[in-house]
N, C-alpha and C. Protein backbone atom coordinates (compact mmCIF):
# COMPACT_ATOMS: atom_id res chain seq x y z
N MET A 1 -6.20 -2.69 -29.83
CA MET A 1 -7.64 -2.63 -30.26
C MET A 1 -7.19 -4.30 -30.34
N PHE A 2 -8.27 -5.39 -29.63
CA PHE A 2 -8.01 -6.22 -30.04
C PHE A 2 -9.12 -6.60 -29.83
N THR A 3 -9.29 -8.15 -29.89
CA THR A 3 -11.13 -9.25 -30.18
C THR A 3 -10.54 -10.17 -28.70
N GLY A 4 -9.53 -10.11 -28.67
CA GLY A 4 -9.38 -11.80 -27.25
C GLY A 4 -9.73 -12.84 -27.65
N ILE A 5 -9.70 -13.53 -29.36
CA ILE A 5 -9.13 -14.16 -29.45
C ILE A 5 -7.72 -14.93 -29.92
N VAL A 6 -7.31 -15.05 -28.51
CA VAL A 6 -5.98 -15.78 -28.64
C VAL A 6 -5.52 -16.98 -29.87
N GLU A 7 -4.56 -15.66 -29.96
CA GLU A 7 -2.94 -16.57 -31.13
C GLU A 7 -2.57 -17.45 -31.20
N GLY A 8 -2.14 -17.46 -30.29
CA GLY A 8 -1.00 -18.73 -29.25
C GLY A 8 -0.69 -18.44 -28.03
N THR A 9 0.85 -18.94 -27.20
CA THR A 9 1.07 -18.49 -26.13
C THR A 9 2.39 -18.73 -26.55
N GLY A 10 2.96 -17.75 -25.47
CA GLY A 10 4.51 -17.79 -26.10
C GLY A 10 4.96 -18.46 -23.85
N ALA A 11 5.96 -18.02 -24.72
CA ALA A 11 7.56 -18.77 -22.90
C ALA A 11 7.99 -17.76 -22.68
N VAL A 12 8.03 -17.15 -21.51
CA VAL A 12 8.22 -16.44 -20.81
C VAL A 12 10.49 -16.38 -20.69
N GLU A 13 11.15 -15.78 -21.24
CA GLU A 13 12.57 -16.07 -20.83
C GLU A 13 13.22 -15.39 -20.47
N LEU A 14 12.22 -14.40 -20.20
CA LEU A 14 13.04 -13.08 -18.79
C LEU A 14 11.86 -13.03 -18.57
N TYR A 15 11.97 -11.97 -16.82
CA TYR A 15 11.63 -10.71 -16.36
C TYR A 15 12.61 -10.53 -15.08
N GLU A 16 13.20 -8.85 -15.82
CA GLU A 16 13.83 -9.11 -14.94
C GLU A 16 13.69 -6.60 -14.68
N PRO A 17 13.38 -7.12 -13.71
CA PRO A 17 13.24 -5.85 -12.73
C PRO A 17 14.67 -4.30 -13.41
N ARG A 18 14.97 -3.29 -14.22
CA ARG A 18 15.93 -2.81 -14.39
C ARG A 18 15.44 -1.00 -13.81
N GLU A 19 16.33 -0.23 -13.81
CA GLU A 19 16.25 1.46 -13.48
C GLU A 19 14.87 1.47 -13.95
N ALA A 20 14.99 1.81 -14.91
CA ALA A 20 13.92 2.63 -15.55
C ALA A 20 13.01 1.54 -15.68
N ALA A 21 12.76 0.78 -15.84
CA ALA A 21 11.12 -0.21 -15.44
C ALA A 21 11.53 -1.39 -15.70
N ILE A 22 10.52 -2.67 -16.00
CA ILE A 22 10.91 -4.24 -16.03
C ILE A 22 10.91 -4.78 -17.54
N ARG A 23 11.77 -5.72 -17.70
CA ARG A 23 11.93 -6.33 -18.79
C ARG A 23 11.59 -6.99 -19.44
N LEU A 24 11.05 -7.40 -20.08
CA LEU A 24 9.94 -9.33 -20.63
C LEU A 24 10.21 -9.48 -21.68
N ARG A 25 11.10 -10.26 -21.43
CA ARG A 25 10.71 -10.95 -22.78
C ARG A 25 10.87 -12.70 -22.88
N VAL A 26 9.68 -12.69 -24.21
CA VAL A 26 8.90 -14.08 -25.15
C VAL A 26 9.42 -14.41 -26.37
N ALA A 27 9.18 -15.66 -25.94
CA ALA A 27 9.09 -16.65 -26.80
C ALA A 27 8.12 -16.24 -27.85
N ALA A 28 8.29 -16.05 -28.05
CA ALA A 28 6.94 -16.38 -29.30
C ALA A 28 6.82 -16.36 -30.80
N GLY A 29 7.52 -17.34 -30.95
CA GLY A 29 7.36 -17.76 -32.05
C GLY A 29 7.20 -17.88 -33.50
N PRO A 30 6.44 -17.94 -34.32
CA PRO A 30 5.36 -17.13 -35.16
C PRO A 30 4.52 -16.31 -34.90
N LEU A 31 4.40 -15.68 -34.02
CA LEU A 31 4.11 -14.96 -33.62
C LEU A 31 4.10 -13.66 -33.38
N ALA A 32 5.38 -13.87 -34.31
CA ALA A 32 6.84 -12.48 -33.69
C ALA A 32 6.76 -12.40 -35.25
N GLU A 33 6.43 -12.97 -35.87
CA GLU A 33 6.21 -12.81 -37.79
C GLU A 33 5.69 -11.47 -37.64
N GLY A 34 5.60 -10.41 -38.94
CA GLY A 34 5.55 -9.08 -38.81
C GLY A 34 5.47 -7.36 -37.41
N VAL A 35 5.87 -8.41 -36.48
CA VAL A 35 6.07 -7.38 -35.32
C VAL A 35 6.67 -6.71 -35.02
N LYS A 36 6.55 -5.19 -34.70
CA LYS A 36 8.07 -4.06 -35.32
C LYS A 36 8.56 -3.54 -33.54
N PRO A 37 8.94 -3.07 -33.91
CA PRO A 37 9.70 -2.30 -32.25
C PRO A 37 8.13 -1.43 -32.43
N GLY A 38 7.35 -0.78 -31.24
CA GLY A 38 6.04 0.27 -31.81
C GLY A 38 4.92 -0.26 -31.76
N ASP A 39 4.17 -1.49 -32.47
CA ASP A 39 3.32 -2.64 -31.94
C ASP A 39 2.86 -2.75 -30.85
N SER A 40 1.96 -3.24 -30.75
CA SER A 40 0.98 -3.33 -29.89
C SER A 40 1.20 -4.77 -29.24
N VAL A 41 1.44 -5.86 -28.33
CA VAL A 41 0.76 -7.01 -28.42
C VAL A 41 -0.25 -6.79 -26.77
N ALA A 42 -1.09 -7.88 -26.83
CA ALA A 42 -2.34 -8.43 -25.89
C ALA A 42 -0.90 -9.31 -25.18
N VAL A 43 -0.71 -9.67 -24.23
CA VAL A 43 0.08 -10.25 -23.20
C VAL A 43 -0.53 -11.17 -22.35
N ASN A 44 -1.41 -11.52 -22.22
CA ASN A 44 -2.18 -12.72 -21.02
C ASN A 44 -2.78 -11.42 -20.95
N GLY A 45 -3.13 -10.28 -21.92
CA GLY A 45 -5.24 -10.03 -22.41
C GLY A 45 -4.39 -8.37 -21.57
N CYS A 46 -2.86 -8.29 -21.28
CA CYS A 46 -2.97 -7.51 -20.96
C CYS A 46 -1.50 -5.66 -22.54
N CYS A 47 -2.36 -4.82 -22.88
CA CYS A 47 -1.08 -4.65 -23.27
C CYS A 47 0.07 -3.56 -23.26
N LEU A 48 0.89 -4.68 -23.62
CA LEU A 48 2.44 -3.75 -24.14
C LEU A 48 2.33 -3.36 -25.57
N THR A 49 3.73 -2.30 -24.98
CA THR A 49 4.71 -2.18 -26.46
C THR A 49 5.58 -2.75 -26.57
N VAL A 50 6.52 -3.01 -28.16
CA VAL A 50 6.99 -4.07 -28.33
C VAL A 50 8.21 -2.66 -28.26
N VAL A 51 9.35 -3.52 -27.36
CA VAL A 51 10.81 -2.23 -27.42
C VAL A 51 11.36 -2.85 -28.10
N GLU A 52 11.72 -4.38 -29.06
CA GLU A 52 12.77 -5.16 -29.95
C GLU A 52 12.76 -6.31 -29.44
N VAL A 53 12.30 -6.38 -31.36
CA VAL A 53 12.39 -7.72 -31.28
C VAL A 53 13.80 -8.84 -32.20
N ASP A 54 14.02 -9.65 -31.43
CA ASP A 54 14.78 -10.41 -31.88
C ASP A 54 14.68 -11.85 -32.08
N GLY A 55 14.40 -11.97 -34.07
CA GLY A 55 13.64 -13.30 -33.74
C GLY A 55 13.15 -13.90 -33.65
N PRO A 56 11.78 -14.43 -32.86
CA PRO A 56 10.59 -14.83 -32.58
C PRO A 56 10.85 -14.07 -31.95
N ARG A 57 12.13 -13.81 -31.00
CA ARG A 57 11.66 -12.78 -29.67
C ARG A 57 11.13 -11.64 -29.26
N LEU A 58 9.81 -11.64 -28.27
CA LEU A 58 9.94 -9.56 -27.82
C LEU A 58 10.27 -9.63 -26.84
N SER A 59 10.37 -8.26 -26.50
CA SER A 59 11.10 -7.62 -25.78
C SER A 59 9.64 -6.57 -25.45
N PHE A 60 9.21 -6.79 -23.57
CA PHE A 60 8.62 -5.46 -23.74
C PHE A 60 9.14 -5.17 -22.45
N ASP A 61 8.66 -3.43 -21.66
CA ASP A 61 9.11 -2.65 -20.83
C ASP A 61 8.09 -1.99 -20.08
N LEU A 62 8.19 -2.89 -18.50
CA LEU A 62 6.56 -2.97 -17.52
C LEU A 62 6.88 -1.78 -17.22
N LEU A 63 5.97 -0.99 -16.56
CA LEU A 63 5.76 0.23 -15.82
C LEU A 63 5.41 -0.70 -14.25
N ALA A 64 5.57 -0.42 -13.57
CA ALA A 64 6.12 -0.78 -12.06
C ALA A 64 4.32 -0.58 -12.04
N GLU A 65 2.79 0.09 -11.84
CA GLU A 65 2.37 -0.09 -12.52
C GLU A 65 1.30 -1.25 -12.79
N THR A 66 1.71 -1.41 -14.15
CA THR A 66 1.37 -2.96 -14.76
C THR A 66 1.39 -4.18 -13.71
N ALA A 67 2.78 -4.13 -13.36
CA ALA A 67 3.20 -5.34 -13.06
C ALA A 67 2.19 -6.01 -11.69
N GLN A 68 1.81 -4.85 -10.64
CA GLN A 68 0.71 -4.71 -9.88
C GLN A 68 0.08 -4.47 -9.32
N ARG A 69 -0.74 -4.68 -10.49
CA ARG A 69 -1.86 -4.64 -11.19
C ARG A 69 -3.17 -5.26 -12.03
N THR A 70 -2.37 -6.20 -12.70
CA THR A 70 -1.77 -7.22 -13.50
C THR A 70 -0.87 -8.76 -12.26
N ASN A 71 -1.48 -9.68 -13.99
CA ASN A 71 -0.82 -11.20 -13.20
C ASN A 71 0.07 -11.07 -13.92
N ILE A 72 0.87 -11.11 -14.55
CA ILE A 72 2.09 -10.11 -15.68
C ILE A 72 3.37 -10.58 -14.16
N GLY A 73 3.06 -9.83 -13.10
CA GLY A 73 4.33 -9.54 -11.80
C GLY A 73 4.47 -10.66 -11.23
N THR A 74 3.48 -11.73 -11.52
CA THR A 74 3.55 -12.63 -10.99
C THR A 74 5.05 -13.92 -11.17
N LEU A 75 5.37 -13.06 -12.67
CA LEU A 75 6.69 -14.70 -12.64
C LEU A 75 8.07 -13.93 -12.62
N GLU A 76 7.46 -13.01 -11.57
CA GLU A 76 8.90 -11.93 -10.51
C GLU A 76 9.35 -13.60 -9.81
N GLY A 77 10.61 -13.97 -10.10
CA GLY A 77 10.51 -14.62 -9.60
C GLY A 77 11.06 -16.69 -9.90
N LYS A 78 10.33 -16.56 -11.36
CA LYS A 78 9.84 -17.71 -11.91
C LYS A 78 11.19 -18.40 -12.15
N PRO A 79 10.81 -19.45 -12.77
CA PRO A 79 11.74 -19.51 -13.68
C PRO A 79 11.99 -19.54 -14.84
N PRO A 80 12.61 -18.95 -16.30
CA PRO A 80 12.12 -19.12 -17.24
C PRO A 80 10.99 -20.10 -17.47
N GLY A 81 9.87 -20.15 -18.52
CA GLY A 81 9.41 -21.08 -18.71
C GLY A 81 7.61 -20.84 -19.09
N SER A 82 7.57 -19.40 -18.06
CA SER A 82 5.95 -19.81 -18.35
C SER A 82 5.64 -19.26 -19.11
N THR A 83 4.00 -19.93 -19.18
CA THR A 83 3.63 -19.78 -20.73
C THR A 83 2.51 -18.49 -20.62
N VAL A 84 1.99 -17.72 -21.59
CA VAL A 84 1.77 -16.18 -21.49
C VAL A 84 0.76 -16.51 -23.25
N ASN A 85 -0.35 -15.74 -22.43
CA ASN A 85 -1.09 -15.79 -24.26
C ASN A 85 -0.85 -14.85 -24.89
N LEU A 86 -1.12 -14.35 -26.64
CA LEU A 86 -0.52 -13.56 -26.92
C LEU A 86 -1.21 -13.10 -27.86
N GLU A 87 -1.65 -11.96 -28.18
CA GLU A 87 -2.32 -11.78 -29.61
C GLU A 87 -2.56 -9.56 -30.30
N ARG A 88 -1.57 -10.21 -31.45
CA ARG A 88 -1.79 -9.18 -31.94
C ARG A 88 -2.47 -8.36 -32.12
N SER A 89 -2.27 -7.65 -31.94
CA SER A 89 -3.48 -6.17 -32.49
C SER A 89 -4.13 -6.36 -34.01
N LEU A 90 -5.10 -5.35 -32.82
CA LEU A 90 -6.51 -5.77 -35.06
C LEU A 90 -5.32 -5.13 -35.80
N THR A 91 -6.20 -5.10 -37.05
CA THR A 91 -5.42 -4.62 -38.89
C THR A 91 -7.08 -4.16 -38.71
N PRO A 92 -7.33 -3.67 -40.06
CA PRO A 92 -8.16 -3.42 -41.48
C PRO A 92 -8.89 -4.47 -41.65
N GLU A 93 -8.33 -5.81 -41.67
CA GLU A 93 -9.05 -6.96 -42.54
C GLU A 93 -8.60 -7.76 -41.41
N SER A 94 -8.68 -7.84 -40.04
CA SER A 94 -8.63 -9.02 -39.50
C SER A 94 -10.41 -9.68 -39.47
N ARG A 95 -10.59 -10.43 -38.75
CA ARG A 95 -12.36 -10.78 -38.52
C ARG A 95 -11.98 -10.65 -36.91
N LEU A 96 -13.33 -9.93 -36.48
CA LEU A 96 -13.73 -9.25 -35.46
C LEU A 96 -14.90 -10.98 -34.23
N GLY A 97 -13.42 -11.50 -34.55
CA GLY A 97 -15.09 -13.04 -33.88
C GLY A 97 -14.79 -12.83 -32.18
N GLY A 98 -14.49 -11.97 -31.81
CA GLY A 98 -14.92 -11.87 -30.34
C GLY A 98 -15.49 -11.29 -29.79
N HIS A 99 -15.07 -9.38 -28.74
CA HIS A 99 -15.95 -8.71 -28.69
C HIS A 99 -14.56 -8.22 -28.90
N PHE A 100 -14.61 -7.06 -28.22
CA PHE A 100 -13.26 -5.27 -28.06
C PHE A 100 -13.08 -5.65 -27.11
N VAL A 101 -11.56 -5.47 -26.84
CA VAL A 101 -10.48 -5.17 -25.79
C VAL A 101 -10.43 -4.81 -25.79
N THR A 102 -10.09 -3.68 -25.47
CA THR A 102 -9.10 -2.95 -25.36
C THR A 102 -7.73 -3.47 -24.47
N GLY A 103 -7.44 -4.06 -23.92
CA GLY A 103 -6.49 -4.91 -23.37
C GLY A 103 -5.52 -3.70 -21.91
N HIS A 104 -6.75 -2.64 -21.31
CA HIS A 104 -6.56 -2.44 -20.44
C HIS A 104 -7.22 -3.27 -19.29
N ILE A 105 -6.10 -3.63 -18.00
CA ILE A 105 -6.71 -4.95 -17.09
C ILE A 105 -7.48 -3.82 -16.20
N ASP A 106 -8.30 -4.40 -15.64
CA ASP A 106 -9.80 -3.98 -14.76
C ASP A 106 -9.07 -3.99 -13.40
N GLY A 107 -8.30 -5.52 -13.35
CA GLY A 107 -8.05 -5.98 -12.14
C GLY A 107 -7.82 -6.86 -12.26
N THR A 108 -7.67 -7.78 -11.21
CA THR A 108 -6.84 -9.10 -11.11
C THR A 108 -7.93 -9.94 -10.67
N GLY A 109 -8.67 -11.33 -11.04
CA GLY A 109 -9.65 -12.08 -9.59
C GLY A 109 -8.73 -13.20 -9.58
N GLU A 110 -9.41 -14.72 -8.89
CA GLU A 110 -8.77 -15.41 -8.61
C GLU A 110 -9.59 -16.72 -8.88
N VAL A 111 -8.93 -17.79 -8.93
CA VAL A 111 -9.35 -18.87 -9.92
C VAL A 111 -10.09 -20.52 -8.54
N ARG A 112 -11.20 -19.67 -8.92
CA ARG A 112 -11.67 -20.25 -7.59
C ARG A 112 -11.89 -22.23 -7.79
N ARG A 113 -12.22 -22.61 -9.50
CA ARG A 113 -12.59 -23.94 -9.61
C ARG A 113 -12.44 -23.78 -11.29
N PHE A 114 -11.35 -25.19 -11.40
CA PHE A 114 -11.31 -25.21 -12.88
C PHE A 114 -11.60 -26.82 -13.33
N GLU A 115 -12.39 -27.90 -13.15
CA GLU A 115 -12.53 -29.08 -13.31
C GLU A 115 -13.12 -29.10 -14.50
N PRO A 116 -13.00 -30.31 -15.43
CA PRO A 116 -13.69 -31.05 -16.13
C PRO A 116 -15.37 -31.29 -15.84
N VAL A 117 -15.99 -31.06 -17.26
CA VAL A 117 -17.98 -31.62 -16.61
C VAL A 117 -18.29 -32.18 -18.17
N GLY A 118 -18.32 -33.51 -18.03
CA GLY A 118 -18.69 -34.37 -18.91
C GLY A 118 -17.27 -33.61 -20.34
N LYS A 119 -16.97 -33.66 -21.23
CA LYS A 119 -16.64 -33.24 -22.37
C LYS A 119 -15.05 -31.86 -22.69
N ASP A 120 -15.81 -30.67 -21.89
CA ASP A 120 -16.06 -29.51 -21.54
C ASP A 120 -15.39 -29.23 -19.95
N PHE A 121 -14.96 -28.24 -19.58
CA PHE A 121 -14.01 -27.39 -18.84
C PHE A 121 -15.62 -26.73 -17.90
N GLU A 122 -15.08 -26.41 -16.25
CA GLU A 122 -16.51 -25.02 -16.12
C GLU A 122 -15.22 -24.34 -15.37
N LEU A 123 -15.17 -22.51 -15.72
CA LEU A 123 -13.90 -22.53 -14.43
C LEU A 123 -14.38 -21.06 -14.24
N GLU A 124 -14.38 -21.34 -13.00
CA GLU A 124 -15.25 -20.02 -12.45
C GLU A 124 -13.77 -19.56 -10.66
N VAL A 125 -14.42 -17.87 -11.47
CA VAL A 125 -13.65 -16.86 -11.09
C VAL A 125 -14.09 -16.32 -10.28
N ALA A 126 -13.28 -15.18 -8.69
CA ALA A 126 -13.72 -14.48 -8.42
C ALA A 126 -13.38 -13.36 -8.69
N GLY A 127 -13.97 -12.50 -9.36
CA GLY A 127 -13.44 -10.89 -9.53
C GLY A 127 -13.49 -10.61 -8.33
N PRO A 128 -12.48 -8.96 -8.40
CA PRO A 128 -12.20 -7.77 -7.48
C PRO A 128 -14.26 -7.31 -6.80
N PRO A 129 -13.93 -7.07 -5.64
CA PRO A 129 -15.41 -6.78 -4.65
C PRO A 129 -16.08 -6.57 -5.47
N ASP A 130 -17.81 -6.16 -5.48
CA ASP A 130 -18.46 -4.57 -6.57
C ASP A 130 -19.18 -4.62 -8.05
N THR A 131 -17.63 -6.45 -8.42
CA THR A 131 -17.58 -5.67 -9.90
C THR A 131 -18.91 -6.83 -10.59
N GLY A 132 -19.32 -7.13 -9.74
CA GLY A 132 -20.41 -7.44 -10.44
C GLY A 132 -21.52 -7.25 -11.49
N ARG A 133 -21.90 -6.20 -10.37
CA ARG A 133 -22.54 -5.25 -12.15
C ARG A 133 -21.75 -4.60 -13.29
N TYR A 134 -20.60 -5.79 -13.84
CA TYR A 134 -20.64 -4.99 -15.05
C TYR A 134 -20.89 -6.78 -15.69
N LEU A 135 -20.61 -8.17 -14.22
CA LEU A 135 -21.54 -9.20 -14.89
C LEU A 135 -22.88 -9.56 -15.64
N VAL A 136 -23.48 -10.11 -16.38
CA VAL A 136 -24.00 -11.52 -16.87
C VAL A 136 -24.00 -11.78 -17.57
N PRO A 137 -24.70 -12.68 -17.56
CA PRO A 137 -25.76 -13.87 -17.97
C PRO A 137 -25.34 -14.24 -20.03
N LYS A 138 -24.10 -14.77 -20.32
CA LYS A 138 -24.10 -14.83 -21.86
C LYS A 138 -23.84 -12.56 -22.40
N GLY A 139 -23.53 -12.82 -20.75
CA GLY A 139 -22.11 -10.97 -21.74
C GLY A 139 -20.83 -11.95 -22.12
N CYS A 140 -19.77 -10.89 -21.91
CA CYS A 140 -18.81 -11.28 -23.12
C CYS A 140 -17.83 -10.18 -21.23
N ILE A 141 -16.78 -10.93 -21.18
CA ILE A 141 -15.75 -10.74 -20.45
C ILE A 141 -13.83 -11.33 -20.95
N ALA A 142 -12.73 -10.12 -20.80
CA ALA A 142 -11.97 -11.46 -21.04
C ALA A 142 -11.64 -12.10 -20.05
N VAL A 143 -10.60 -12.47 -19.61
CA VAL A 143 -9.78 -13.42 -18.81
C VAL A 143 -8.62 -14.11 -19.58
N ASP A 144 -7.53 -13.19 -18.64
CA ASP A 144 -5.96 -13.35 -19.17
C ASP A 144 -6.42 -13.49 -21.06
N GLY A 145 -7.01 -12.16 -21.70
CA GLY A 145 -6.68 -11.74 -23.56
C GLY A 145 -7.88 -12.58 -24.21
N MET A 146 -9.09 -13.65 -23.18
CA MET A 146 -9.31 -14.65 -23.90
C MET A 146 -10.85 -14.01 -24.06
N SER A 147 -11.66 -13.98 -24.52
CA SER A 147 -12.64 -12.95 -25.07
C SER A 147 -13.63 -14.32 -25.00
N LEU A 148 -14.51 -14.46 -23.78
CA LEU A 148 -15.56 -15.32 -22.80
C LEU A 148 -17.03 -14.55 -22.73
N THR A 149 -17.33 -16.64 -22.80
CA THR A 149 -19.17 -15.83 -22.01
C THR A 149 -19.19 -15.92 -21.25
N VAL A 150 -20.26 -15.39 -20.28
CA VAL A 150 -20.18 -15.27 -18.79
C VAL A 150 -21.20 -16.61 -18.92
N VAL A 151 -21.62 -17.35 -18.13
CA VAL A 151 -22.51 -18.48 -17.91
C VAL A 151 -23.86 -18.05 -16.07
N ASN A 152 -22.60 -18.34 -15.25
CA ASN A 152 -23.43 -17.67 -14.01
C ASN A 152 -23.14 -17.37 -14.04
N VAL A 153 -23.53 -15.78 -12.81
CA VAL A 153 -23.40 -14.51 -12.15
C VAL A 153 -23.12 -14.15 -10.59
N ASP A 154 -23.10 -15.05 -9.73
CA ASP A 154 -23.09 -14.85 -7.86
C ASP A 154 -22.12 -13.46 -7.82
N GLY A 155 -22.22 -12.19 -8.12
CA GLY A 155 -22.10 -11.44 -7.49
C GLY A 155 -20.73 -11.00 -7.97
N PRO A 156 -19.67 -10.70 -7.51
CA PRO A 156 -18.07 -10.83 -8.79
C PRO A 156 -17.78 -12.73 -9.04
N VAL A 157 -18.37 -13.62 -7.89
CA VAL A 157 -18.30 -14.82 -9.68
C VAL A 157 -19.19 -14.37 -9.96
N PHE A 158 -17.75 -15.31 -11.02
CA PHE A 158 -18.92 -16.53 -11.88
C PHE A 158 -18.42 -17.24 -12.05
N SER A 159 -18.89 -17.90 -13.63
CA SER A 159 -18.21 -18.50 -14.38
C SER A 159 -18.18 -19.14 -15.18
N ILE A 160 -17.22 -19.98 -16.49
CA ILE A 160 -17.61 -20.00 -17.85
C ILE A 160 -18.03 -20.70 -17.78
N TRP A 161 -17.59 -21.99 -18.78
CA TRP A 161 -17.71 -22.40 -19.43
C TRP A 161 -16.05 -22.91 -21.10
N ILE A 162 -15.93 -23.70 -20.53
CA ILE A 162 -14.69 -23.60 -21.32
C ILE A 162 -13.72 -25.01 -22.05
N ILE A 163 -14.00 -24.88 -23.62
CA ILE A 163 -14.04 -26.31 -24.42
C ILE A 163 -12.48 -26.65 -24.61
N PRO A 164 -12.76 -28.08 -24.36
CA PRO A 164 -10.22 -28.30 -24.26
C PRO A 164 -9.85 -27.61 -25.93
N HIS A 165 -10.52 -27.39 -27.34
CA HIS A 165 -10.10 -26.59 -27.81
C HIS A 165 -9.13 -25.62 -27.15
N THR A 166 -10.13 -24.29 -26.01
CA THR A 166 -9.97 -23.36 -25.90
C THR A 166 -8.77 -23.43 -24.33
N ARG A 167 -8.86 -24.75 -23.68
CA ARG A 167 -7.70 -25.03 -23.65
C ARG A 167 -7.34 -25.23 -23.31
N GLU A 168 -6.46 -26.04 -24.51
CA GLU A 168 -4.78 -26.71 -24.97
C GLU A 168 -4.31 -25.58 -25.90
N VAL A 169 -4.84 -24.49 -25.93
CA VAL A 169 -3.95 -23.76 -27.07
C VAL A 169 -4.15 -22.49 -26.32
N THR A 170 -4.03 -22.26 -25.81
CA THR A 170 -3.88 -21.07 -24.07
C THR A 170 -3.67 -20.95 -22.74
N CYS A 171 -3.27 -20.51 -22.80
CA CYS A 171 -2.43 -20.52 -20.58
C CYS A 171 -3.23 -20.86 -20.13
N LEU A 172 -4.29 -20.97 -20.46
CA LEU A 172 -5.35 -22.33 -19.57
C LEU A 172 -5.61 -23.24 -18.44
N ARG A 173 -4.27 -24.26 -20.11
CA ARG A 173 -3.81 -25.65 -19.72
C ARG A 173 -3.13 -25.30 -18.46
N GLU A 174 -2.17 -24.11 -17.69
CA GLU A 174 -1.63 -24.33 -16.73
C GLU A 174 -2.26 -24.39 -15.92
N ARG A 175 -2.93 -23.48 -16.00
CA ARG A 175 -3.62 -22.34 -14.17
C ARG A 175 -4.36 -23.74 -13.36
N GLN A 176 -4.52 -23.18 -11.94
CA GLN A 176 -5.24 -23.80 -11.10
C GLN A 176 -5.39 -23.65 -9.86
N PRO A 177 -6.24 -23.90 -9.44
CA PRO A 177 -7.31 -22.70 -8.41
C PRO A 177 -6.85 -22.00 -7.23
N GLY A 178 -6.75 -20.67 -7.22
CA GLY A 178 -5.66 -19.96 -6.42
C GLY A 178 -5.05 -18.99 -7.24
N ASP A 179 -5.19 -19.83 -8.79
CA ASP A 179 -4.00 -18.83 -9.18
C ASP A 179 -5.08 -17.53 -10.11
N ARG A 180 -4.18 -16.57 -10.06
CA ARG A 180 -4.50 -15.22 -10.29
C ARG A 180 -4.98 -15.14 -12.02
N VAL A 181 -6.35 -14.32 -12.18
CA VAL A 181 -5.95 -14.65 -13.56
C VAL A 181 -6.57 -12.66 -14.39
N ASN A 182 -6.41 -12.28 -14.70
CA ASN A 182 -6.65 -11.13 -15.86
C ASN A 182 -7.55 -11.19 -15.87
N LEU A 183 -8.88 -9.54 -15.88
CA LEU A 183 -9.88 -9.14 -16.01
C LEU A 183 -10.12 -7.91 -17.04
N GLU A 184 -10.26 -8.15 -18.39
CA GLU A 184 -11.37 -7.26 -18.67
C GLU A 184 -12.74 -6.87 -18.44
N PHE A 185 -13.39 -6.11 -18.08
CA PHE A 185 -15.00 -6.28 -17.92
C PHE A 185 -14.83 -5.16 -19.55
N ASP A 186 -16.17 -5.15 -20.04
CA ASP A 186 -16.50 -5.14 -21.02
C ASP A 186 -17.01 -3.54 -20.78
N LEU A 187 -16.27 -3.19 -21.28
CA LEU A 187 -16.23 -1.16 -21.85
C LEU A 187 -17.62 -1.02 -22.63
N LEU A 188 -18.22 -1.69 -23.00
CA LEU A 188 -19.89 -1.10 -22.94
C LEU A 188 -20.40 -0.36 -21.71
N ALA A 189 -20.37 -1.83 -20.67
CA ALA A 189 -20.79 -1.35 -19.17
C ALA A 189 -20.96 -0.68 -18.32
N LYS A 190 -19.11 -0.27 -18.59
CA LYS A 190 -18.27 0.26 -18.25
C LYS A 190 -19.12 2.27 -17.97
N TYR A 191 -18.82 2.09 -19.09
CA TYR A 191 -19.43 2.88 -19.73
C TYR A 191 -21.29 4.07 -19.83
N THR A 192 -22.04 2.64 -19.56
CA THR A 192 -23.46 2.88 -19.91
C THR A 192 -23.30 3.06 -17.85
N GLU A 193 -22.19 2.93 -17.30
CA GLU A 193 -22.78 3.25 -15.44
C GLU A 193 -21.81 4.82 -15.59
N LYS A 194 -21.09 5.36 -16.44
CA LYS A 194 -20.93 6.35 -15.62
C LYS A 194 -22.17 6.75 -16.47
N LEU A 195 -22.42 7.59 -17.81
CA LEU A 195 -23.65 7.92 -18.10
C LEU A 195 -24.41 8.16 -17.67
N LEU A 196 -25.17 6.57 -16.99
CA LEU A 196 -26.66 6.35 -15.83
C LEU A 196 -25.87 7.23 -14.74
N SER A 197 -24.84 7.57 -14.02
CA SER A 197 -24.34 8.33 -13.03
C SER A 197 -24.39 9.44 -12.44
N GLY A 198 -24.29 9.57 -14.50
CA GLY A 198 -23.68 10.87 -13.85
C GLY A 198 -22.03 11.26 -13.31
N LYS A 199 -21.54 10.35 -12.81
CA LYS A 199 -20.38 10.54 -11.60
C LYS A 199 -19.27 9.33 -12.69
N LYS A 200 -18.21 9.61 -12.54
CA LYS A 200 -16.50 9.15 -12.34
C LYS A 200 -16.67 8.01 -12.03
N PRO A 201 -16.42 6.92 -12.59
CA PRO A 201 -16.44 5.55 -11.58
C PRO A 201 -15.17 5.32 -11.19
N GLU A 202 -15.82 5.09 -9.98
CA GLU A 202 -14.40 4.59 -8.95
C GLU A 202 -13.55 3.29 -9.84
N SER A 203 -11.95 3.76 -8.76
CA SER A 203 -11.01 2.43 -10.17
C SER A 203 -11.25 1.06 -9.23
N LEU A 204 -11.19 1.03 -10.41
CA LEU A 204 -11.70 -1.40 -9.25
C LEU A 204 -11.25 -1.48 -8.66
N SER A 205 -11.47 -2.35 -7.38
CA SER A 205 -10.43 -2.65 -6.26
C SER A 205 -10.27 -4.72 -6.70
N GLN A 206 -9.01 -4.23 -6.10
CA GLN A 206 -7.98 -5.63 -6.01
C GLN A 206 -9.15 -6.94 -5.51
N ALA A 207 -8.75 -7.76 -5.84
CA ALA A 207 -9.39 -8.91 -5.40
C ALA A 207 -8.68 -9.57 -3.95
């Protein structure tokens, strides 16, 4: 379990498809402190299990489905150095500064706009079709693992205000229109839909 309050960023050193899984290695710097094999870490909001710790470097094994359903798969073929958001899992002593985030990505969205407005920034994202039902103004959403507040909603397209601090300390500083971002919709909204419909929710389609 996570809060969506990103602790910092790491640099991707390795993305290597192997026989059993895809090996991802991230230089996490001080965020590797206290992490051990078997721990969960959110990488761009995706809950991954640490399989190896080498000083400040954390390694993970990814399933093919994870690579396909998240923007982590877009790292394939890129040179080392891509930035990813990192958050270590909650402890009983942690402050709950964001909202409850599971790290289970529902799908990816496309950045439509990301531009300065005064001293702040406005981020507009188009989510997968039919996901507008999970979005309400002032509601919560996790974008690349960041707990953010929805401002405007138009079907599956939503906008968010970003303060300069959030942009500077997360991977948002590298995001451009057309980029893919990981989305995790509010857990309460998804459970409410299931309870009211009496049906099992269909898998969210990709944008």
